[in-house]
Amino acid sequence: MNAGIIASRYAKALLKFVRETGNGRNVYSQACRLVSCMEEVVKFREYLENQNEIGLDRKIELAEAALDGPLSMEMRRFIALVCERRRMNCFLRILYVFVEEYRKENGIKVGKLTVAIPAEDLKERMEKAVQEKEGGVVHVEMEVDPKIIGGFIFEMDGKRMDASVEGRIARIRRHLVEKNNRIV
């Protein structure tokens, strides 16, 4: 069966379960942190997705260690279900779909802020500004990229605001090239 279909079905089942229990926010938060950990630490992902060598109890311990705290009852039961059905190889994809569906259902928008150096105050100001303009809940994920030299790049809903030094230099370079091409 197609892994995308499997992920979608399991994610929708988890979404329905958290609706019934009323603990969606906590499960969503844990799913986001697990996704982040699985993307950053390949060995962690491999251990969780491994079907044979590592048992359920050890997988739960690893997930709790990654979260620095206990798993919610819903996430614990969900991991047990996915292990039992031998679908752990799709676990990251399931979490991706769950996070996306939860965001859609709850009107959560996510933006990406790229900065040259960490700037938590800028992140908070961007969240507040977008919430005032768009309404709803906004989460801004910050990424540090020294290549942009200074300023920031903000992306959300397919729109991009480039206020970086690198972007400004590129615009100036493009303008000079266009101007020189007309002269020749």
Protein backbone atom coordinates (compact mmCIF):
# COMPACT_ATOMS: atom_id res chain seq x y z
CA MET A 1 0.00 0.00 0.00
CA ASN A 2 1.13 3.56 -0.70
CA ALA A 3 2.98 5.14 2.25
CA GLY A 4 1.15 8.45 1.69
CA ILE A 5 -2.24 6.77 2.06
CA ILE A 6 -1.07 4.92 5.16
CA ALA A 7 0.25 8.14 6.73
CA SER A 8 -2.96 10.00 5.94
CA ARG A 9 -5.18 7.32 7.47
CA TYR A 10 -3.17 7.00 10.66
CA ALA A 11 -2.84 10.78 11.03
CA LYS A 12 -6.59 11.26 10.62
CA ALA A 13 -7.20 8.53 13.19
CA LEU A 14 -4.90 10.30 15.66
CA LEU A 15 -6.64 13.60 14.94
CA LYS A 16 -10.04 12.04 15.61
CA PHE A 17 -8.72 10.47 18.83
CA VAL A 18 -7.36 13.77 20.17
CA ARG A 19 -10.63 15.51 19.30
CA GLU A 20 -12.44 12.97 21.46
CA THR A 21 -10.01 13.28 24.38
CA GLY A 22 -9.67 17.06 24.12
CA ASN A 23 -5.89 16.91 24.44
CA GLY A 24 -5.09 18.02 20.89
CA ARG A 25 -2.86 20.94 21.79
CA ASN A 26 -0.55 18.77 23.89
CA VAL A 27 -0.37 15.99 21.28
CA TYR A 28 0.21 18.57 18.53
CA SER A 29 3.07 20.07 20.54
CA GLN A 30 4.63 16.67 21.14
CA ALA A 31 4.24 15.72 17.47
CA CYS A 32 5.97 18.94 16.38
CA ARG A 33 8.88 18.31 18.75
CA LEU A 34 9.19 14.67 17.65
CA VAL A 35 9.24 15.73 13.99
CA SER A 36 11.95 18.25 14.75
CA CYS A 37 14.04 15.69 16.65
CA MET A 38 13.60 13.04 13.97
CA GLU A 39 14.70 15.50 11.27
CA GLU A 40 17.74 16.68 13.22
CA VAL A 41 18.96 13.34 14.60
CA VAL A 42 18.97 10.65 11.94
CA LYS A 43 19.90 7.88 14.41
CA PHE A 44 16.88 8.77 16.57
CA ARG A 45 14.63 8.46 13.53
CA GLU A 46 16.21 5.16 12.55
CA TYR A 47 15.72 3.73 16.05
CA LEU A 48 12.07 4.77 16.20
CA GLU A 49 11.27 3.55 12.71
CA ASN A 50 13.11 0.25 13.17
CA GLN A 51 10.51 -2.54 13.25
CA ASN A 52 12.42 -5.49 14.62
CA GLU A 53 15.32 -4.75 16.95
CA ILE A 54 13.82 -2.21 19.33
CA GLY A 55 10.69 -2.93 21.36
CA LEU A 56 7.78 -0.63 22.14
CA ASP A 57 8.95 0.22 25.67
CA ARG A 58 12.36 1.32 24.39
CA LYS A 59 10.77 3.43 21.62
CA ILE A 60 8.59 5.18 24.18
CA GLU A 61 11.65 5.80 26.38
CA LEU A 62 13.50 7.31 23.41
CA ALA A 63 10.54 9.54 22.53
CA GLU A 64 10.25 10.72 26.15
CA ALA A 65 13.99 11.44 26.25
CA ALA A 66 13.65 13.52 23.08
CA LEU A 67 10.72 15.45 24.58
CA ASP A 68 12.40 15.84 27.99
CA GLY A 69 9.25 14.61 29.65
CA PRO A 70 6.51 12.00 29.60
CA LEU A 71 4.47 11.29 26.51
CA SER A 72 0.79 12.06 26.64
CA MET A 73 -1.53 9.10 27.01
CA GLU A 74 -2.76 9.68 23.44
CA MET A 75 0.74 9.71 21.92
CA ARG A 76 1.77 6.67 23.96
CA ARG A 77 -1.27 4.71 22.75
CA PHE A 78 -0.75 5.91 19.20
CA ILE A 79 2.89 4.78 19.12
CA ALA A 80 1.76 1.40 20.49
CA LEU A 81 -0.85 1.12 17.72
CA VAL A 82 1.63 2.03 14.99
CA CYS A 83 4.15 -0.49 16.39
CA GLU A 84 1.53 -3.20 16.68
CA ARG A 85 0.44 -2.67 13.07
CA ARG A 86 4.09 -2.65 11.96
CA ARG A 87 3.87 0.84 10.45
CA MET A 88 6.72 2.52 12.34
CA ASN A 89 8.57 2.89 9.04
CA CYS A 90 5.92 5.52 8.20
CA PHE A 91 5.96 7.23 11.61
CA LEU A 92 7.63 10.49 10.55
CA ARG A 93 5.33 10.82 7.56
CA ILE A 94 2.32 10.15 9.80
CA LEU A 95 3.44 12.92 12.15
CA TYR A 96 3.91 15.32 9.22
CA VAL A 97 0.35 14.69 8.05
CA PHE A 98 -1.05 14.93 11.58
CA VAL A 99 0.66 18.29 12.19
CA GLU A 100 -0.59 19.64 8.85
CA GLU A 101 -4.17 18.45 9.43
CA TYR A 102 -4.22 19.78 13.00
CA ARG A 103 -3.06 23.17 11.76
CA LYS A 104 -5.76 23.27 9.10
CA GLU A 105 -8.46 22.24 11.53
CA ASN A 106 -7.44 24.80 14.16
CA GLY A 107 -6.55 27.72 11.88
CA ILE A 108 -2.87 27.70 12.82
CA LYS A 109 -0.60 29.45 10.36
CA VAL A 110 3.12 28.82 10.27
CA GLY A 111 5.75 31.20 9.01
CA LYS A 112 9.48 30.79 8.60
CA LEU A 113 11.84 33.50 9.76
CA THR A 114 15.44 33.29 8.55
CA VAL A 115 17.94 35.49 10.40
CA ALA A 116 21.72 35.87 10.45
CA ILE A 117 21.89 35.63 14.25
CA PRO A 118 19.25 34.39 16.74
CA ALA A 119 16.62 37.08 17.40
CA GLU A 120 13.79 35.89 19.66
CA ASP A 121 12.36 39.42 20.00
CA LEU A 122 12.03 39.71 16.21
CA LYS A 123 10.31 36.33 16.10
CA GLU A 124 7.78 37.45 18.74
CA ARG A 125 7.16 40.78 16.94
CA MET A 126 6.58 38.95 13.63
CA GLU A 127 4.11 36.55 15.30
CA LYS A 128 2.23 39.45 16.87
CA ALA A 129 2.16 41.49 13.65
CA VAL A 130 0.89 38.59 11.55
CA GLN A 131 -1.71 37.65 14.19
CA GLU A 132 -3.04 41.21 14.18
CA LYS A 133 -3.20 41.30 10.38
CA GLU A 134 -4.37 37.76 9.61
CA GLY A 135 -6.12 36.74 12.82
CA GLY A 136 -5.94 33.26 14.27
CA VAL A 137 -2.90 31.60 15.75
CA VAL A 138 0.51 32.12 14.17
CA HIS A 139 3.69 30.19 14.87
CA VAL A 140 6.96 31.46 13.50
CA GLU A 141 9.79 28.99 13.14
CA MET A 142 13.19 30.63 13.26
CA GLU A 143 16.18 29.44 11.26
CA VAL A 144 19.67 30.91 11.60
CA ASP A 145 21.57 31.30 8.32
CA PRO A 146 24.73 33.44 8.46
CA LYS A 147 24.79 33.63 4.63
CA ILE A 148 22.11 36.34 4.66
CA ILE A 149 24.67 38.60 6.43
CA GLY A 150 22.05 40.69 8.25
CA GLY A 151 18.34 41.51 8.29
CA PHE A 152 15.77 38.75 7.85
CA ILE A 153 13.66 36.78 5.38
CA PHE A 154 10.06 35.96 6.33
CA GLU A 155 8.00 33.39 4.43
CA MET A 156 4.37 32.41 4.96
CA ASP A 157 1.53 31.16 2.75
CA GLY A 158 3.71 31.27 -0.37
CA LYS A 159 4.68 34.90 0.19
CA ARG A 160 8.20 36.09 0.94
CA MET A 161 9.47 39.30 2.49
CA ASP A 162 13.21 39.65 1.95
CA ALA A 163 14.78 42.31 4.16
CA SER A 164 18.21 40.69 4.20
CA VAL A 165 21.53 42.23 3.26
CA GLU A 166 22.14 39.33 0.87
CA GLY A 167 18.81 40.03 -0.84
CA ARG A 168 19.55 43.73 -1.13
CA ILE A 169 22.97 43.03 -2.68
CA ALA A 170 21.35 40.65 -5.19
CA ARG A 171 18.76 43.31 -6.15
CA ILE A 172 21.47 45.93 -6.62
CA ARG A 173 23.54 43.49 -8.71
CA ARG A 174 20.50 42.65 -10.87
CA HIS A 175 19.71 46.36 -11.34
CA LEU A 176 23.30 47.15 -12.40
CA VAL A 177 23.41 44.25 -14.85
CA GLU A 178 20.08 45.28 -16.40
CA LYS A 179 21.23 48.90 -16.66
CA ASN A 180 24.56 47.90 -18.25
CA ASN A 181 22.83 45.59 -20.72
CA ARG A 182 20.72 48.51 -21.99
CA ILE A 183 23.76 50.73 -22.50
CA VAL A 184 25.65 48.24 -24.67
